[in-house]
Protein backbone atom coordinates (compact mmCIF):
# COMPACT_ATOMS: atom_id res chain seq x y z
CA MET A 1 0.00 0.00 0.00
CA ARG A 2 2.84 2.40 0.84
CA ALA A 3 4.51 1.81 -2.54
CA GLU A 4 1.20 2.44 -4.28
CA SER A 5 0.69 5.61 -2.24
CA ASP A 6 4.17 6.88 -3.14
CA THR A 7 3.47 6.25 -6.82
CA ILE A 8 0.22 8.22 -6.63
CA SER A 9 1.91 11.11 -4.80
CA LYS A 10 4.56 11.33 -7.52
CA LEU A 11 1.94 11.34 -10.28
CA HIS A 12 -0.25 13.84 -8.40
CA PRO A 13 2.04 15.97 -6.23
CA GLN A 14 0.44 17.77 -3.30
CA LEU A 15 -0.15 21.47 -3.89
CA SER A 16 1.37 23.91 -1.43
CA ALA A 17 -0.83 26.35 0.46
CA ASP A 18 0.18 29.16 -1.94
CA GLU A 19 -0.58 27.04 -5.00
CA THR A 20 -3.92 25.97 -3.54
CA THR A 21 -4.90 29.59 -2.87
CA LEU A 22 -3.90 30.58 -6.40
CA ALA A 23 -5.86 27.67 -7.87
CA GLU A 24 -8.94 28.79 -5.93
CA LEU A 25 -8.55 32.19 -7.61
CA GLY A 26 -8.59 30.48 -11.02
CA TYR A 27 -4.89 30.47 -11.93
CA LYS A 28 -2.13 27.87 -12.05
CA GLN A 29 1.30 28.28 -10.50
CA GLU A 30 3.76 29.37 -13.24
CA PHE A 31 6.50 31.17 -11.30
CA HIS A 32 9.00 29.95 -8.76
CA ARG A 33 8.21 31.31 -5.29
CA GLU A 34 11.72 32.53 -4.49
CA PHE A 35 10.84 35.76 -2.64
CA THR A 36 10.94 35.35 1.13
CA PRO A 37 8.62 37.55 3.23
CA LEU A 38 11.55 39.84 4.10
CA GLU A 39 12.56 40.15 0.46
CA VAL A 40 9.00 41.04 -0.53
CA ALA A 41 8.95 43.72 2.18
CA GLY A 42 12.36 44.87 0.95
CA LEU A 43 11.03 45.13 -2.59
CA ALA A 44 8.12 47.28 -1.41
CA PHE A 45 10.53 49.52 0.52
CA SER A 46 13.14 49.80 -2.22
CA TYR A 47 10.43 50.33 -4.88
CA VAL A 48 9.46 53.48 -2.97
CA GLY A 49 13.14 54.52 -2.91
CA LEU A 50 12.75 57.24 -0.31
CA VAL A 51 15.80 59.42 -0.91
CA PRO A 52 15.86 59.31 -4.74
CA SER A 53 12.08 59.79 -4.83
CA ILE A 54 12.22 62.77 -2.48
CA VAL A 55 14.98 64.14 -4.70
CA SER A 56 12.60 63.95 -7.64
CA VAL A 57 9.64 65.66 -5.92
CA LEU A 58 11.26 68.51 -3.99
CA PHE A 59 10.20 70.64 -6.96
CA TYR A 60 6.60 70.25 -5.70
CA ALA A 61 7.19 70.83 -1.99
CA ILE A 62 9.68 73.71 -1.90
CA PRO A 63 7.77 76.29 -4.02
CA ASN A 64 4.41 75.32 -2.49
CA GLY A 65 5.14 76.07 1.13
CA GLY A 66 8.88 75.64 1.63
CA PRO A 67 10.06 73.97 4.86
CA PHE A 68 6.58 74.05 6.40
CA ALA A 69 5.09 72.08 3.49
CA MET A 70 8.01 69.66 3.38
CA VAL A 71 7.63 68.73 7.06
CA TRP A 72 3.93 69.08 7.85
CA GLY A 73 2.57 68.24 4.40
CA TRP A 74 4.32 64.88 4.69
CA ALA A 75 3.02 64.34 8.24
CA ILE A 76 -0.58 65.11 7.26
CA ALA A 77 -0.63 62.98 4.11
CA CYS A 78 0.89 59.79 5.54
CA PRO A 79 -2.03 58.70 7.82
CA PHE A 80 -4.42 58.91 4.86
CA ILE A 81 -2.01 56.85 2.75
CA MET A 82 -1.91 54.25 5.51
CA CYS A 83 -5.72 53.99 5.47
CA ILE A 84 -5.63 53.08 1.79
CA GLY A 85 -2.75 50.70 2.40
CA LEU A 86 -4.62 48.85 5.15
CA ALA A 87 -7.61 48.32 2.86
CA MET A 88 -5.32 47.08 0.09
CA ALA A 89 -3.53 44.76 2.52
CA GLU A 90 -6.84 43.17 3.47
CA LEU A 91 -7.64 42.52 -0.19
CA ALA A 92 -4.15 41.14 -0.84
CA SER A 93 -4.56 38.73 2.05
CA ALA A 94 -7.81 37.40 0.61
CA ALA A 95 -6.68 37.21 -3.03
CA PRO A 96 -2.88 37.28 -3.48
CA THR A 97 -2.53 37.36 -7.25
CA SER A 98 -0.26 39.33 -9.58
CA GLY A 99 -3.27 40.97 -11.19
CA GLY A 100 -4.10 42.58 -7.89
CA LEU A 101 -6.30 45.60 -8.31
CA TYR A 102 -8.23 44.63 -11.43
CA TYR A 103 -8.86 41.12 -10.08
CA TRP A 104 -10.23 42.50 -6.82
CA THR A 105 -12.42 44.91 -8.77
CA TYR A 106 -13.90 42.05 -10.79
CA SER A 107 -14.48 39.99 -7.65
CA LEU A 108 -16.21 42.71 -5.65
CA ALA A 109 -18.06 44.79 -8.24
CA SER A 110 -21.64 44.26 -9.36
CA PRO A 111 -21.98 41.60 -12.10
CA ARG A 112 -23.60 44.24 -14.32
CA CYS A 113 -20.51 46.43 -14.54
CA ARG A 114 -17.60 44.39 -13.22
CA ASN A 115 -16.19 43.60 -16.67
CA PHE A 116 -16.04 47.27 -17.58
CA LEU A 117 -14.69 48.39 -14.19
CA SER A 118 -12.10 45.62 -14.13
CA TRP A 119 -11.01 46.60 -17.66
CA ILE A 120 -10.65 50.25 -16.63
CA VAL A 121 -8.68 49.43 -13.48
CA GLY A 122 -6.52 46.88 -15.28
CA TYR A 123 -5.56 49.24 -18.08
CA SER A 124 -4.97 52.12 -15.65
CA ASN A 125 -2.73 49.96 -13.48
CA THR A 126 -0.85 48.52 -16.46
CA ILE A 127 -0.25 51.93 -18.01
CA GLU A 128 0.78 53.33 -14.62
CA THR A 129 3.39 50.62 -14.06
CA ILE A 130 4.80 51.10 -17.57
CA THR A 131 4.97 54.90 -17.25
CA ALA A 132 6.64 54.48 -13.85
CA VAL A 133 9.56 52.84 -15.66
CA ALA A 134 9.85 55.86 -17.94
CA SER A 135 9.39 58.35 -15.11
CA VAL A 136 12.01 56.89 -12.78
CA ASN A 137 14.55 56.30 -15.55
CA TRP A 138 14.09 59.87 -16.76
CA ALA A 139 14.65 61.11 -13.21
CA CYS A 140 17.77 58.94 -13.01
CA ALA A 141 19.06 60.39 -16.28
CA ILE A 142 18.56 63.93 -14.96
CA GLN A 143 20.35 63.00 -11.74
CA ILE A 144 23.31 61.69 -13.75
CA THR A 145 23.57 65.00 -15.57
CA ALA A 146 23.35 66.77 -12.19
CA ALA A 147 26.33 64.70 -11.04
CA ILE A 148 28.27 65.88 -14.07
CA SER A 149 27.30 69.46 -13.21
CA ILE A 150 28.50 69.03 -9.60
CA ALA A 151 31.81 67.62 -10.83
CA SER A 152 32.40 70.38 -13.38
CA SER A 153 34.09 73.59 -12.35
CA GLY A 154 31.59 76.36 -11.73
CA GLN A 155 28.65 74.00 -12.29
CA VAL A 156 28.35 75.27 -15.86
CA TYR A 157 27.84 71.95 -17.65
CA THR A 158 24.75 71.91 -19.89
CA THR A 159 23.26 68.68 -21.24
CA THR A 160 21.67 68.57 -24.67
CA ASN A 161 18.35 66.81 -25.23
CA LYS A 162 20.06 64.16 -27.35
CA GLN A 163 22.56 63.38 -24.61
CA LEU A 164 19.81 63.22 -21.99
CA TYR A 165 17.72 60.87 -24.12
CA GLY A 166 20.77 58.71 -24.84
CA ILE A 167 21.40 58.28 -21.11
CA TYR A 168 17.72 57.50 -20.56
CA ALA A 169 17.62 54.88 -23.34
CA ALA A 170 20.78 53.20 -22.02
CA LEU A 171 19.25 52.98 -18.55
CA VAL A 172 16.03 51.41 -19.83
CA LEU A 173 17.85 48.82 -21.93
CA SER A 174 20.16 47.88 -19.06
CA HIS A 175 17.14 47.35 -16.82
CA ALA A 176 15.47 45.16 -19.42
CA VAL A 177 18.52 42.90 -19.45
CA LEU A 178 18.73 42.80 -15.65
CA VAL A 179 15.04 42.07 -15.06
CA SER A 180 15.13 39.24 -17.61
CA PHE A 181 17.11 37.12 -15.13
CA GLY A 182 15.51 34.37 -13.08
CA THR A 183 13.34 34.96 -10.03
CA ARG A 184 16.00 33.76 -7.57
CA VAL A 185 18.51 36.37 -8.77
CA LEU A 186 15.90 39.14 -8.63
CA ALA A 187 14.82 38.06 -5.14
CA ARG A 188 18.38 38.10 -3.76
CA LEU A 189 19.02 41.52 -5.31
CA GLN A 190 16.34 42.96 -3.01
CA ARG A 191 18.71 42.53 -0.07
CA LEU A 192 21.24 44.86 -1.70
CA TYR A 193 18.52 47.29 -2.79
CA THR A 194 17.06 47.46 0.71
CA LEU A 195 20.45 47.98 2.35
CA MET A 196 21.35 50.78 -0.08
CA ASN A 197 18.07 52.63 0.36
CA ALA A 198 18.07 52.30 4.14
CA SER A 199 21.68 53.47 4.38
CA LEU A 200 20.92 56.56 2.30
CA CYS A 201 18.04 57.45 4.60
CA PHE A 202 20.21 57.37 7.71
CA ILE A 203 23.01 59.30 6.00
CA ILE A 204 20.60 62.15 5.23
CA ILE A 205 18.94 62.04 8.66
CA ILE A 206 22.10 61.74 10.80
CA ALA A 207 25.20 62.73 8.82
CA LEU A 208 23.82 65.71 6.88
CA PRO A 209 22.95 67.85 9.96
CA ILE A 210 26.35 67.07 11.48
CA ALA A 211 28.23 68.11 8.33
CA THR A 212 26.19 71.21 7.49
CA PRO A 213 28.11 74.45 8.24
CA PRO A 214 26.47 77.03 10.54
CA ASP A 215 25.72 79.37 7.65
CA TYR A 216 23.22 76.87 6.24
CA ARG A 217 21.75 75.56 9.49
CA ASN A 218 18.26 76.80 10.20
CA ASN A 219 16.59 77.30 13.56
CA ALA A 220 13.43 75.42 14.53
CA SER A 221 11.26 78.45 13.86
CA PHE A 222 12.27 78.53 10.21
CA ALA A 223 12.57 74.77 9.60
CA LEU A 224 9.20 73.91 11.14
CA GLY A 225 7.21 77.08 10.66
CA ASP A 226 8.34 79.07 7.61
CA PHE A 227 5.75 78.98 4.81
CA THR A 228 7.30 80.14 1.53
CA ASN A 229 4.91 80.38 -1.39
CA LEU A 230 6.82 80.80 -4.66
CA ALA A 231 4.27 79.11 -6.90
CA GLY A 232 1.79 81.99 -7.14
CA TRP A 233 -1.22 79.95 -5.98
CA PRO A 234 -3.26 80.92 -2.92
CA SER A 235 -1.41 79.62 0.13
CA GLY A 236 -4.05 77.04 1.06
CA PHE A 237 -4.12 75.55 -2.42
CA ALA A 238 -0.32 75.67 -2.64
CA PHE A 239 -0.08 73.65 0.57
CA ILE A 240 -2.46 71.05 -0.90
CA LEU A 241 -0.25 70.84 -3.99
CA SER A 242 2.71 70.03 -1.74
CA PHE A 243 0.95 66.74 -0.90
CA MET A 244 2.08 65.55 -4.33
CA ALA A 245 5.51 64.92 -2.81
CA PRO A 246 4.46 62.25 -0.25
CA LEU A 247 1.77 60.86 -2.57
CA TYR A 248 4.28 60.30 -5.38
CA THR A 249 7.00 59.02 -3.08
CA ILE A 250 4.99 56.51 -1.02
CA GLY A 251 2.55 55.73 -3.83
CA GLY A 252 4.33 52.51 -4.80
CA TYR A 253 3.22 50.52 -1.78
CA ASP A 254 1.16 48.22 -4.02
CA ALA A 255 4.34 46.94 -5.72
CA SER A 256 4.45 43.80 -3.61
CA VAL A 257 0.95 42.85 -4.78
CA HIS A 258 2.20 42.19 -8.29
CA MET A 259 4.87 39.83 -6.91
CA SER A 260 2.26 37.70 -5.11
CA GLU A 261 2.81 34.66 -7.31
CA GLU A 262 6.57 34.68 -6.68
CA ALA A 263 6.40 35.09 -2.89
CA SER A 264 6.27 32.34 -0.32
CA ASN A 265 3.39 32.53 2.17
CA ALA A 266 1.91 35.27 0.00
CA ALA A 267 -1.37 35.65 1.88
CA THR A 268 0.60 36.87 4.90
CA ALA A 269 3.78 38.27 3.35
CA ILE A 270 2.11 40.65 0.87
CA PRO A 271 -0.16 42.44 3.40
CA TRP A 272 2.75 42.85 5.80
CA ALA A 273 4.91 44.21 2.97
CA ILE A 274 2.27 46.82 2.10
CA VAL A 275 1.72 48.01 5.67
CA SER A 276 5.39 47.90 6.71
CA SER A 277 6.56 49.79 3.62
CA ILE A 278 4.08 52.61 4.30
CA ALA A 279 4.92 52.78 8.01
CA VAL A 280 8.70 52.71 7.54
CA THR A 281 8.76 55.15 4.63
CA ALA A 282 6.38 57.52 6.43
CA VAL A 283 8.65 57.73 9.49
CA LEU A 284 11.98 57.81 7.65
CA GLY A 285 10.61 60.18 5.00
CA TRP A 286 9.47 62.63 7.66
CA GLY A 287 12.92 62.42 9.23
CA ILE A 288 14.55 63.16 5.87
CA ASN A 289 12.31 66.18 5.27
CA VAL A 290 13.00 67.53 8.78
CA SER A 291 16.75 67.09 8.20
CA LEU A 292 16.56 68.90 4.86
CA ALA A 293 14.48 71.71 6.36
CA PHE A 294 17.13 72.31 9.04
CA CYS A 295 20.04 72.13 6.55
CA MET A 296 18.79 73.95 3.44
CA GLY A 297 19.55 77.54 4.46
CA THR A 298 17.05 80.37 4.28
CA ASP A 299 17.42 81.31 0.60
CA VAL A 300 14.78 78.95 -0.78
CA GLY A 301 14.67 80.67 -4.16
CA SER A 302 18.35 80.06 -4.89
CA ILE A 303 17.92 76.35 -4.23
CA LEU A 304 15.15 76.13 -6.81
CA SER A 305 17.04 78.17 -9.41
CA SER A 306 20.35 76.37 -8.87
CA SER A 307 22.53 75.83 -11.91
CA ILE A 308 22.88 72.17 -10.92
CA GLY A 309 19.20 71.73 -11.78
CA GLN A 310 18.29 69.68 -8.71
CA PRO A 311 17.28 71.32 -5.38
CA MET A 312 18.49 68.35 -3.33
CA ALA A 313 21.86 68.35 -5.09
CA GLN A 314 22.30 72.03 -4.27
CA ILE A 315 21.45 71.41 -0.60
CA LEU A 316 24.06 68.63 -0.46
CA TYR A 317 26.60 70.83 -2.26
CA ASN A 318 26.09 73.66 0.22
CA SER A 319 26.35 71.35 3.22
CA LEU A 320 29.07 68.90 2.18
CA GLY A 321 31.16 70.63 -0.45
CA GLN A 322 31.86 69.40 -3.96
CA ARG A 323 33.61 66.06 -3.35
CA LYS A 324 31.42 64.71 -0.56
CA ALA A 325 28.27 65.94 -2.28
CA LEU A 326 29.32 64.20 -5.49
CA ALA A 327 30.03 60.94 -3.63
CA LEU A 328 26.66 61.02 -1.88
CA TRP A 329 24.92 62.00 -5.10
CA CYS A 330 26.40 58.95 -6.82
CA LEU A 331 24.78 56.81 -4.11
CA VAL A 332 21.49 58.57 -4.83
CA ILE A 333 21.85 57.72 -8.52
CA SER A 334 22.61 54.09 -7.66
CA ALA A 335 19.50 53.91 -5.47
CA GLU A 336 17.40 55.49 -8.23
CA TYR A 337 18.73 52.89 -10.66
CA MET A 338 17.57 50.18 -8.26
CA VAL A 339 14.14 51.79 -7.99
CA ALA A 340 13.82 51.83 -11.78
CA SER A 341 14.84 48.16 -11.91
CA ASN A 342 12.05 47.24 -9.50
CA CYS A 343 9.59 49.40 -11.45
CA LEU A 344 10.24 47.29 -14.54
CA LEU A 345 10.09 44.07 -12.51
CA VAL A 346 6.72 44.96 -10.97
CA GLY A 347 5.34 46.36 -14.23
CA SER A 348 6.25 43.23 -16.18
CA ARG A 349 4.30 41.07 -13.71
CA GLN A 350 1.23 43.29 -13.96
CA THR A 351 1.41 43.19 -17.76
CA PHE A 352 1.84 39.39 -17.67
CA ALA A 353 -1.21 38.98 -15.42
CA PHE A 354 -3.35 41.22 -17.62
CA ALA A 355 -2.22 39.41 -20.77
CA ARG A 356 -2.98 36.07 -19.07
CA ASP A 357 -6.61 37.17 -18.89
CA GLY A 358 -6.53 38.13 -22.57
CA ALA A 359 -7.06 41.83 -21.93
CA LEU A 360 -4.11 43.25 -23.90
CA PRO A 361 -3.34 43.37 -27.61
CA PHE A 362 -0.95 40.55 -28.54
CA SER A 363 -1.82 38.74 -25.30
CA ARG A 364 -0.89 35.38 -26.83
CA TYR A 365 2.69 36.61 -27.26
CA LEU A 366 2.91 38.46 -23.96
CA TYR A 367 1.52 35.58 -21.92
CA ARG A 368 4.62 33.42 -22.17
CA ILE A 369 7.24 32.16 -19.71
CA ASN A 370 10.79 31.97 -21.02
CA ARG A 371 12.04 28.38 -20.89
CA TYR A 372 15.53 29.37 -19.70
CA THR A 373 14.88 32.05 -17.09
CA GLU A 374 11.34 30.85 -16.28
CA THR A 375 10.22 34.48 -16.12
CA PRO A 376 8.00 36.56 -18.46
CA VAL A 377 10.81 37.99 -20.59
CA ASN A 378 8.39 39.08 -23.33
CA THR A 379 6.51 41.41 -20.98
CA VAL A 380 9.79 42.75 -19.57
CA TRP A 381 10.88 43.94 -23.01
CA PHE A 382 7.37 45.02 -23.96
CA ASP A 383 7.25 47.34 -20.94
CA ALA A 384 10.79 48.59 -21.55
CA ILE A 385 10.27 49.40 -25.21
């Protein structure tokens, strides 16, 4: 009897809890579940990319309220973001699938309109994840040119549009190659990405105030209470516009959802990744904004109009000098590169899931797993191109 039982178990292997849950949702297991719960949480955290993301959105906070908006706009927005994250975590626990948002919409909406609503949500989410790749890589390209400007004497270097696009295209292609690797490689990379992003946060929070010379150190009255409106909008509306900074920065907390089918113990790991990424980035992000507010000096206009082209780069240049600012800025660029890599990784899984349900043009070509890497290479390159 035992020999017969062993033969049956080999012919019909027992499904794991994750595979059973996925089967109940109507899908078969096609990926390797190589992401540990910590690596999924690390992906959610590094996808946000606190420091490089704040670098990219200081343009919204500084002219729309200055230090006051940077500090208190962040503090006000984060609890509302957490409310959305908690709701999303509950849904991810019940239905951990790469399709995420559009699948939940179909499951919960009225039968009369769920096809249409699911289609709208699916296309919106797919387009958003693809444009995120372009957005972050473009920001990375601009940061590279800012590094060249910091390194040049007198900060007089000017990049042409062709050069900027060339850098951008090279970044996108390099990410397409990287994200085409197998799931195990991509999962282990999250450890490096998380360490880099966390280290940058603590450098800005701890080391920057220590290194900033007295001329650029602000008192608490200015850092926490000065409202500088350079945008021309009424002050109340300008302050609301400053919310774009935390909303853009922390807005990637759903990234882990799209990795549900590559994560072990997904029904628990994905919700924890969502909630922990919001909580950690909210606290560390507020600390970064407070540090910048105390170290940016009082001439807010000169930071915005800096010849370097990046407000954060100018703050670092004023506080650290050319060499140290350039070294730290190179770390920022490296972290931004990692964020862009995860954007393409997450986007490719969303595109794969949507193509699996036949919702995209050329779905039959996009819904394919590469036999060598056992990952959806077609959707990786589709999103990149």
